[in-house]
PDB file of all heavy atoms in Angstrom:
ATOM      1  N   TYR A   1     -17.774   3.778   2.458  1.00  0.00           N
ATOM      2  CA  TYR A   1     -16.699   3.345   1.534  1.00  0.00           C
ATOM      3  C   TYR A   1     -16.109   4.477   0.707  1.00  0.00           C
ATOM      4  O   TYR A   1     -14.896   4.610   0.565  1.00  0.00           O
ATOM      5  CB  TYR A   1     -17.273   2.253   0.579  1.00  0.00           C
ATOM      6  CG  TYR A   1     -16.189   1.658  -0.322  1.00  0.00           C
ATOM      7  CD1 TYR A   1     -15.125   0.951   0.201  1.00  0.00           C
ATOM      8  CD2 TYR A   1     -16.209   1.887  -1.691  1.00  0.00           C
ATOM      9  CE1 TYR A   1     -14.138   0.408  -0.576  1.00  0.00           C
ATOM     10  CE2 TYR A   1     -15.242   1.349  -2.534  1.00  0.00           C
ATOM     11  CZ  TYR A   1     -14.185   0.603  -1.941  1.00  0.00           C
ATOM     12  OH  TYR A   1     -13.219   0.096  -2.750  1.00  0.00           O
ATOM     13  N   LYS A   2     -16.979   5.364   0.207  1.00  0.00           N
ATOM     14  CA  LYS A   2     -16.495   6.422  -0.684  1.00  0.00           C
ATOM     15  C   LYS A   2     -15.628   7.367   0.116  1.00  0.00           C
ATOM     16  O   LYS A   2     -14.526   7.822  -0.391  1.00  0.00           O
ATOM     17  CB  LYS A   2     -17.684   7.215  -1.262  1.00  0.00           C
ATOM     18  CG  LYS A   2     -17.295   8.279  -2.290  1.00  0.00           C
ATOM     19  CD  LYS A   2     -18.528   8.915  -2.878  1.00  0.00           C
ATOM     20  CE  LYS A   2     -18.052   9.971  -3.926  1.00  0.00           C
ATOM     21  NZ  LYS A   2     -19.239  10.611  -4.572  1.00  0.00           N
ATOM     22  N   ASN A   3     -15.969   7.750   1.319  1.00  0.00           N
ATOM     23  CA  ASN A   3     -15.153   8.653   2.110  1.00  0.00           C
ATOM     24  C   ASN A   3     -13.799   7.970   2.459  1.00  0.00           C
ATOM     25  O   ASN A   3     -12.725   8.622   2.455  1.00  0.00           O
ATOM     26  CB  ASN A   3     -15.882   9.060   3.396  1.00  0.00           C
ATOM     27  CG  ASN A   3     -16.994  10.007   3.161  1.00  0.00           C
ATOM     28  OD1 ASN A   3     -17.018  10.714   2.175  1.00  0.00           O
ATOM     29  ND2 ASN A   3     -18.001  10.003   4.035  1.00  0.00           N
ATOM     30  N   TYR A   4     -13.886   6.674   2.734  1.00  0.00           N
ATOM     31  CA  TYR A   4     -12.630   5.991   3.068  1.00  0.00           C
ATOM     32  C   TYR A   4     -11.662   6.002   1.856  1.00  0.00           C
ATOM     33  O   TYR A   4     -10.484   6.268   2.043  1.00  0.00           O
ATOM     34  CB  TYR A   4     -13.016   4.549   3.461  1.00  0.00           C
ATOM     35  CG  TYR A   4     -11.795   3.601   3.467  1.00  0.00           C
ATOM     36  CD1 TYR A   4     -10.781   3.704   4.425  1.00  0.00           C
ATOM     37  CD2 TYR A   4     -11.718   2.562   2.512  1.00  0.00           C
ATOM     38  CE1 TYR A   4      -9.731   2.807   4.403  1.00  0.00           C
ATOM     39  CE2 TYR A   4     -10.658   1.661   2.545  1.00  0.00           C
ATOM     40  CZ  TYR A   4      -9.674   1.787   3.450  1.00  0.00           C
ATOM     41  OH  TYR A   4      -8.579   0.922   3.485  1.00  0.00           O
ATOM     42  N   LEU A   5     -12.201   5.740   0.676  1.00  0.00           N
ATOM     43  CA  LEU A   5     -11.362   5.716  -0.472  1.00  0.00           C
ATOM     44  C   LEU A   5     -10.787   7.116  -0.758  1.00  0.00           C
ATOM     45  O   LEU A   5      -9.624   7.281  -1.108  1.00  0.00           O
ATOM     46  CB  LEU A   5     -12.144   5.223  -1.695  1.00  0.00           C
ATOM     47  CG  LEU A   5     -11.367   5.034  -3.035  1.00  0.00           C
ATOM     48  CD1 LEU A   5     -10.245   4.067  -2.830  1.00  0.00           C
ATOM     49  CD2 LEU A   5     -12.344   4.529  -4.149  1.00  0.00           C
ATOM     50  N   ASN A   6     -11.611   8.143  -0.581  1.00  0.00           N
ATOM     51  CA  ASN A   6     -11.182   9.540  -0.800  1.00  0.00           C
ATOM     52  C   ASN A   6     -10.015   9.881   0.159  1.00  0.00           C
ATOM     53  O   ASN A   6      -9.084  10.599  -0.252  1.00  0.00           O
ATOM     54  CB  ASN A   6     -12.289  10.519  -0.666  1.00  0.00           C
ATOM     55  CG  ASN A   6     -13.236  10.486  -1.843  1.00  0.00           C
ATOM     56  OD1 ASN A   6     -12.852  10.145  -2.966  1.00  0.00           O
ATOM     57  ND2 ASN A   6     -14.507  10.895  -1.614  1.00  0.00           N
ATOM     58  N   GLN A   7     -10.090   9.428   1.384  1.00  0.00           N
ATOM     59  CA  GLN A   7      -9.022   9.720   2.331  1.00  0.00           C
ATOM     60  C   GLN A   7      -7.679   9.102   1.876  1.00  0.00           C
ATOM     61  O   GLN A   7      -6.626   9.706   1.946  1.00  0.00           O
ATOM     62  CB  GLN A   7      -9.411   9.152   3.720  1.00  0.00           C
ATOM     63  CG  GLN A   7     -10.524   9.911   4.396  1.00  0.00           C
ATOM     64  CD  GLN A   7     -10.971   9.153   5.670  1.00  0.00           C
ATOM     65  OE1 GLN A   7     -10.385   8.174   6.108  1.00  0.00           O
ATOM     66  NE2 GLN A   7     -12.065   9.710   6.260  1.00  0.00           N
ATOM     67  N   ARG A   8      -7.780   7.890   1.332  1.00  0.00           N
ATOM     68  CA  ARG A   8      -6.542   7.249   0.826  1.00  0.00           C
ATOM     69  C   ARG A   8      -6.029   8.021  -0.372  1.00  0.00           C
ATOM     70  O   ARG A   8      -4.800   8.181  -0.525  1.00  0.00           O
ATOM     71  CB  ARG A   8      -6.870   5.811   0.475  1.00  0.00           C
ATOM     72  CG  ARG A   8      -7.201   4.946   1.670  1.00  0.00           C
ATOM     73  CD  ARG A   8      -7.510   3.494   1.277  1.00  0.00           C
ATOM     74  NE  ARG A   8      -6.334   2.887   0.674  1.00  0.00           N
ATOM     75  CZ  ARG A   8      -6.408   1.979  -0.330  1.00  0.00           C
ATOM     76  NH1 ARG A   8      -7.587   1.633  -0.812  1.00  0.00           N
ATOM     77  NH2 ARG A   8      -5.293   1.439  -0.794  1.00  0.00           N
ATOM     78  N   LEU A   9      -6.928   8.507  -1.250  1.00  0.00           N
ATOM     79  CA  LEU A   9      -6.481   9.245  -2.424  1.00  0.00           C
ATOM     80  C   LEU A   9      -5.744  10.487  -1.998  1.00  0.00           C
ATOM     81  O   LEU A   9      -4.750  10.874  -2.634  1.00  0.00           O
ATOM     82  CB  LEU A   9      -7.687   9.571  -3.325  1.00  0.00           C
ATOM     83  CG  LEU A   9      -8.415   8.387  -3.920  1.00  0.00           C
ATOM     84  CD1 LEU A   9      -9.468   8.883  -4.891  1.00  0.00           C
ATOM     85  CD2 LEU A   9      -7.478   7.472  -4.651  1.00  0.00           C
ATOM     86  N   HIS A  10      -6.253  11.177  -0.984  1.00  0.00           N
ATOM     87  CA  HIS A  10      -5.575  12.426  -0.498  1.00  0.00           C
ATOM     88  C   HIS A  10      -4.205  12.126  -0.050  1.00  0.00           C
ATOM     89  O   HIS A  10      -3.261  12.901  -0.243  1.00  0.00           O
ATOM     90  CB  HIS A  10      -6.421  13.066   0.598  1.00  0.00           C
ATOM     91  CG  HIS A  10      -7.714  13.672   0.129  1.00  0.00           C
ATOM     92  ND1 HIS A  10      -7.738  14.469  -0.995  1.00  0.00           N
ATOM     93  CD2 HIS A  10      -8.978  13.690   0.647  1.00  0.00           C
ATOM     94  CE1 HIS A  10      -8.992  14.969  -1.168  1.00  0.00           C
ATOM     95  NE2 HIS A  10      -9.744  14.413  -0.177  1.00  0.00           N
ATOM     96  N   HIS A  11      -4.077  10.968   0.617  1.00  0.00           N
ATOM     97  CA  HIS A  11      -2.717  10.574   1.149  1.00  0.00           C
ATOM     98  C   HIS A  11      -1.764  10.339  -0.027  1.00  0.00           C
ATOM     99  O   HIS A  11      -0.669  10.841  -0.004  1.00  0.00           O
ATOM    100  CB  HIS A  11      -2.886   9.268   1.955  1.00  0.00           C
ATOM    101  CG  HIS A  11      -1.590   8.718   2.411  1.00  0.00           C
ATOM    102  ND1 HIS A  11      -0.997   9.061   3.608  1.00  0.00           N
ATOM    103  CD2 HIS A  11      -0.723   7.796   1.854  1.00  0.00           C
ATOM    104  CE1 HIS A  11       0.138   8.444   3.792  1.00  0.00           C
ATOM    105  NE2 HIS A  11       0.332   7.657   2.692  1.00  0.00           N
ATOM    106  N   TYR A  12      -2.193   9.555  -1.035  1.00  0.00           N
ATOM    107  CA  TYR A  12      -1.310   9.291  -2.186  1.00  0.00           C
ATOM    108  C   TYR A  12      -0.995  10.552  -2.934  1.00  0.00           C
ATOM    109  O   TYR A  12       0.150  10.726  -3.440  1.00  0.00           O
ATOM    110  CB  TYR A  12      -1.951   8.286  -3.115  1.00  0.00           C
ATOM    111  CG  TYR A  12      -2.266   6.940  -2.458  1.00  0.00           C
ATOM    112  CD1 TYR A  12      -3.424   6.248  -2.837  1.00  0.00           C
ATOM    113  CD2 TYR A  12      -1.441   6.393  -1.478  1.00  0.00           C
ATOM    114  CE1 TYR A  12      -3.741   4.994  -2.235  1.00  0.00           C
ATOM    115  CE2 TYR A  12      -1.783   5.203  -0.859  1.00  0.00           C
ATOM    116  CZ  TYR A  12      -2.902   4.485  -1.204  1.00  0.00           C
ATOM    117  OH  TYR A  12      -3.204   3.338  -0.652  1.00  0.00           O
ATOM    118  N   GLU A  13      -1.967  11.458  -3.068  1.00  0.00           N
ATOM    119  CA  GLU A  13      -1.730  12.681  -3.756  1.00  0.00           C
ATOM    120  C   GLU A  13      -0.692  13.538  -3.012  1.00  0.00           C
ATOM    121  O   GLU A  13       0.291  14.084  -3.654  1.00  0.00           O
ATOM    122  CB  GLU A  13      -3.059  13.489  -3.849  1.00  0.00           C
ATOM    123  CG  GLU A  13      -2.900  14.826  -4.516  1.00  0.00           C
ATOM    124  CD  GLU A  13      -4.225  15.561  -4.674  1.00  0.00           C
ATOM    125  OE1 GLU A  13      -5.100  15.012  -5.363  1.00  0.00           O
ATOM    126  OE2 GLU A  13      -4.404  16.654  -4.085  1.00  0.00           O
ATOM    127  N   ARG A  14      -0.827  13.608  -1.705  1.00  0.00           N
ATOM    128  CA  ARG A  14       0.205  14.366  -0.936  1.00  0.00           C
ATOM    129  C   ARG A  14       1.564  13.765  -1.069  1.00  0.00           C
ATOM    130  O   ARG A  14       2.579  14.495  -1.286  1.00  0.00           O
ATOM    131  CB  ARG A  14      -0.215  14.427   0.525  1.00  0.00           C
ATOM    132  CG  ARG A  14       0.807  15.118   1.441  1.00  0.00           C
ATOM    133  CD  ARG A  14       0.239  15.464   2.776  1.00  0.00           C
ATOM    134  NE  ARG A  14       1.295  16.047   3.631  1.00  0.00           N
ATOM    135  CZ  ARG A  14       1.715  17.307   3.482  1.00  0.00           C
ATOM    136  NH1 ARG A  14       1.202  18.108   2.554  1.00  0.00           N
ATOM    137  NH2 ARG A  14       2.666  17.775   4.315  1.00  0.00           N
ATOM    138  N   PHE A  15       1.703  12.475  -0.969  1.00  0.00           N
ATOM    139  CA  PHE A  15       2.982  11.836  -1.090  1.00  0.00           C
ATOM    140  C   PHE A  15       3.625  11.874  -2.470  1.00  0.00           C
ATOM    141  O   PHE A  15       4.770  11.995  -2.652  1.00  0.00           O
ATOM    142  CB  PHE A  15       2.892  10.395  -0.569  1.00  0.00           C
ATOM    143  CG  PHE A  15       2.998  10.300   0.985  1.00  0.00           C
ATOM    144  CD1 PHE A  15       2.235  11.141   1.737  1.00  0.00           C
ATOM    145  CD2 PHE A  15       3.814   9.333   1.553  1.00  0.00           C
ATOM    146  CE1 PHE A  15       2.318  11.010   3.138  1.00  0.00           C
ATOM    147  CE2 PHE A  15       3.887   9.284   2.919  1.00  0.00           C
ATOM    148  CZ  PHE A  15       3.157  10.124   3.741  1.00  0.00           C
ATOM    149  N   SER A  16       2.710  11.855  -3.490  1.00  0.00           N
ATOM    150  CA  SER A  16       3.219  12.002  -4.850  1.00  0.00           C
ATOM    151  C   SER A  16       3.825  13.387  -5.033  1.00  0.00           C
ATOM    152  O   SER A  16       4.844  13.536  -5.763  1.00  0.00           O
ATOM    153  CB  SER A  16       2.109  11.738  -5.873  1.00  0.00           C
ATOM    154  OG  SER A  16       1.242  12.884  -5.970  1.00  0.00           O
ATOM    155  N   ASN A  17       3.192  14.396  -4.477  1.00  0.00           N
ATOM    156  CA  ASN A  17       3.722  15.738  -4.596  1.00  0.00           C
ATOM    157  C   ASN A  17       5.017  15.935  -3.793  1.00  0.00           C
ATOM    158  O   ASN A  17       5.926  16.618  -4.213  1.00  0.00           O
ATOM    159  CB  ASN A  17       2.628  16.747  -4.224  1.00  0.00           C
ATOM    160  CG  ASN A  17       1.592  16.938  -5.227  1.00  0.00           C
ATOM    161  OD1 ASN A  17       1.767  17.653  -6.232  1.00  0.00           O
ATOM    162  ND2 ASN A  17       0.448  16.264  -5.109  1.00  0.00           N
ATOM    163  N   ILE A  18       5.049  15.334  -2.589  1.00  0.00           N
ATOM    164  CA  ILE A  18       6.274  15.433  -1.795  1.00  0.00           C
ATOM    165  C   ILE A  18       7.422  14.857  -2.528  1.00  0.00           C
ATOM    166  O   ILE A  18       8.509  15.465  -2.672  1.00  0.00           O
ATOM    167  CB  ILE A  18       6.056  14.689  -0.433  1.00  0.00           C
ATOM    168  CG1 ILE A  18       5.123  15.524   0.473  1.00  0.00           C
ATOM    169  CG2 ILE A  18       7.398  14.512   0.295  1.00  0.00           C
ATOM    170  CD1 ILE A  18       4.683  14.762   1.768  1.00  0.00           C
ATOM    171  N   ALA A  19       7.231  13.621  -3.081  1.00  0.00           N
ATOM    172  CA  ALA A  19       8.319  12.962  -3.793  1.00  0.00           C
ATOM    173  C   ALA A  19       8.754  13.739  -5.025  1.00  0.00           C
ATOM    174  O   ALA A  19       9.935  13.856  -5.262  1.00  0.00           O
ATOM    175  CB  ALA A  19       7.878  11.523  -4.189  1.00  0.00           C
ATOM    176  N   TYR A  20       7.764  14.226  -5.725  1.00  0.00           N
ATOM    177  CA  TYR A  20       8.078  14.992  -7.000  1.00  0.00           C
ATOM    178  C   TYR A  20       8.891  16.244  -6.683  1.00  0.00           C
ATOM    179  O   TYR A  20       9.891  16.529  -7.313  1.00  0.00           O
ATOM    180  CB  TYR A  20       6.797  15.362  -7.741  1.00  0.00           C
ATOM    181  CG  TYR A  20       7.032  16.161  -8.963  1.00  0.00           C
ATOM    182  CD1 TYR A  20       7.608  15.619 -10.117  1.00  0.00           C
ATOM    183  CD2 TYR A  20       6.733  17.561  -8.986  1.00  0.00           C
ATOM    184  CE1 TYR A  20       7.820  16.343 -11.262  1.00  0.00           C
ATOM    185  CE2 TYR A  20       6.974  18.301 -10.117  1.00  0.00           C
ATOM    186  CZ  TYR A  20       7.527  17.684 -11.249  1.00  0.00           C
ATOM    187  OH  TYR A  20       7.747  18.481 -12.364  1.00  0.00           O
ATOM    188  N   GLU A  21       8.453  16.992  -5.650  1.00  0.00           N
ATOM    189  CA  GLU A  21       9.171  18.243  -5.315  1.00  0.00           C
ATOM    190  C   GLU A  21      10.591  17.952  -4.857  1.00  0.00           C
ATOM    191  O   GLU A  21      11.492  18.740  -5.117  1.00  0.00           O
ATOM    192  CB  GLU A  21       8.365  18.996  -4.230  1.00  0.00           C
ATOM    193  CG  GLU A  21       7.055  19.561  -4.751  1.00  0.00           C
ATOM    194  CD  GLU A  21       7.265  20.596  -5.866  1.00  0.00           C
ATOM    195  OE1 GLU A  21       8.263  21.340  -5.826  1.00  0.00           O
ATOM    196  OE2 GLU A  21       6.447  20.594  -6.789  1.00  0.00           O
ATOM    197  N   LEU A  22      10.819  16.845  -4.164  1.00  0.00           N
ATOM    198  CA  LEU A  22      12.124  16.516  -3.690  1.00  0.00           C
ATOM    199  C   LEU A  22      13.050  15.966  -4.741  1.00  0.00           C
ATOM    200  O   LEU A  22      14.315  16.038  -4.667  1.00  0.00           O
ATOM    201  CB  LEU A  22      12.030  15.477  -2.528  1.00  0.00           C
ATOM    202  CG  LEU A  22      11.454  16.033  -1.231  1.00  0.00           C
ATOM    203  CD1 LEU A  22      11.272  14.849  -0.241  1.00  0.00           C
ATOM    204  CD2 LEU A  22      12.309  17.094  -0.590  1.00  0.00           C
ATOM    205  N   LEU A  23      12.448  15.426  -5.829  1.00  0.00           N
ATOM    206  CA  LEU A  23      13.282  14.786  -6.835  1.00  0.00           C
ATOM    207  C   LEU A  23      13.432  15.556  -8.162  1.00  0.00           C
ATOM    208  O   LEU A  23      14.318  15.256  -8.945  1.00  0.00           O
ATOM    209  CB  LEU A  23      12.725  13.364  -7.141  1.00  0.00           C
ATOM    210  CG  LEU A  23      12.789  12.339  -6.008  1.00  0.00           C
ATOM    211  CD1 LEU A  23      11.988  11.112  -6.346  1.00  0.00           C
ATOM    212  CD2 LEU A  23      14.277  11.953  -5.731  1.00  0.00           C
ATOM    213  N   LYS A  24      12.519  16.453  -8.418  1.00  0.00           N
ATOM    214  CA  LYS A  24      12.450  17.054  -9.782  1.00  0.00           C
ATOM    215  C   LYS A  24      13.706  17.797 -10.205  1.00  0.00           C
ATOM    216  O   LYS A  24      13.979  17.896 -11.385  1.00  0.00           O
ATOM    217  CB  LYS A  24      11.233  17.970  -9.902  1.00  0.00           C
ATOM    218  CG  LYS A  24      11.206  19.207  -9.016  1.00  0.00           C
ATOM    219  CD  LYS A  24       9.849  19.922  -9.176  1.00  0.00           C
ATOM    220  CE  LYS A  24       9.767  21.140  -8.242  1.00  0.00           C
ATOM    221  NZ  LYS A  24      10.585  22.245  -8.636  1.00  0.00           N
ATOM    222  N   ASP A  25      14.445  18.341  -9.236  1.00  0.00           N
ATOM    223  CA  ASP A  25      15.638  19.098  -9.613  1.00  0.00           C
ATOM    224  C   ASP A  25      16.961  18.368  -9.337  1.00  0.00           C
ATOM    225  O   ASP A  25      18.028  18.953  -9.395  1.00  0.00           O
ATOM    226  CB  ASP A  25      15.646  20.441  -8.798  1.00  0.00           C
ATOM    227  CG  ASP A  25      14.509  21.326  -9.192  1.00  0.00           C
ATOM    228  OD1 ASP A  25      14.134  21.371 -10.402  1.00  0.00           O
ATOM    229  OD2 ASP A  25      13.912  22.006  -8.308  1.00  0.00           O
ATOM    230  N   VAL A  26      16.829  17.070  -8.981  1.00  0.00           N
ATOM    231  CA  VAL A  26      18.015  16.257  -8.715  1.00  0.00           C
ATOM    232  C   VAL A  26      18.724  16.015 -10.053  1.00  0.00           C
ATOM    233  O   VAL A  26      18.091  15.568 -11.009  1.00  0.00           O
ATOM    234  CB  VAL A  26      17.679  14.957  -8.042  1.00  0.00           C
ATOM    235  CG1 VAL A  26      18.884  14.065  -7.899  1.00  0.00           C
ATOM    236  CG2 VAL A  26      17.018  15.255  -6.662  1.00  0.00           C
ATOM    237  N   PRO A  27      20.057  16.265 -10.132  1.00  0.00           N
ATOM    238  CA  PRO A  27      20.741  16.006 -11.413  1.00  0.00           C
ATOM    239  C   PRO A  27      20.794  14.500 -11.738  1.00  0.00           C
ATOM    240  O   PRO A  27      20.671  13.668 -10.785  1.00  0.00           O
ATOM    241  CB  PRO A  27      22.166  16.585 -11.168  1.00  0.00           C
ATOM    242  CG  PRO A  27      22.301  16.608  -9.668  1.00  0.00           C
ATOM    243  CD  PRO A  27      20.931  16.874  -9.143  1.00  0.00           C
TER     244      PRO A  27
END
């Protein structure tokens, strides 16, 4: 269970950073 949850957290972390980098400089 713990490893499974950690894998999901890595996914959300990566996608949160992708979205932030693509949007942070948008006017």
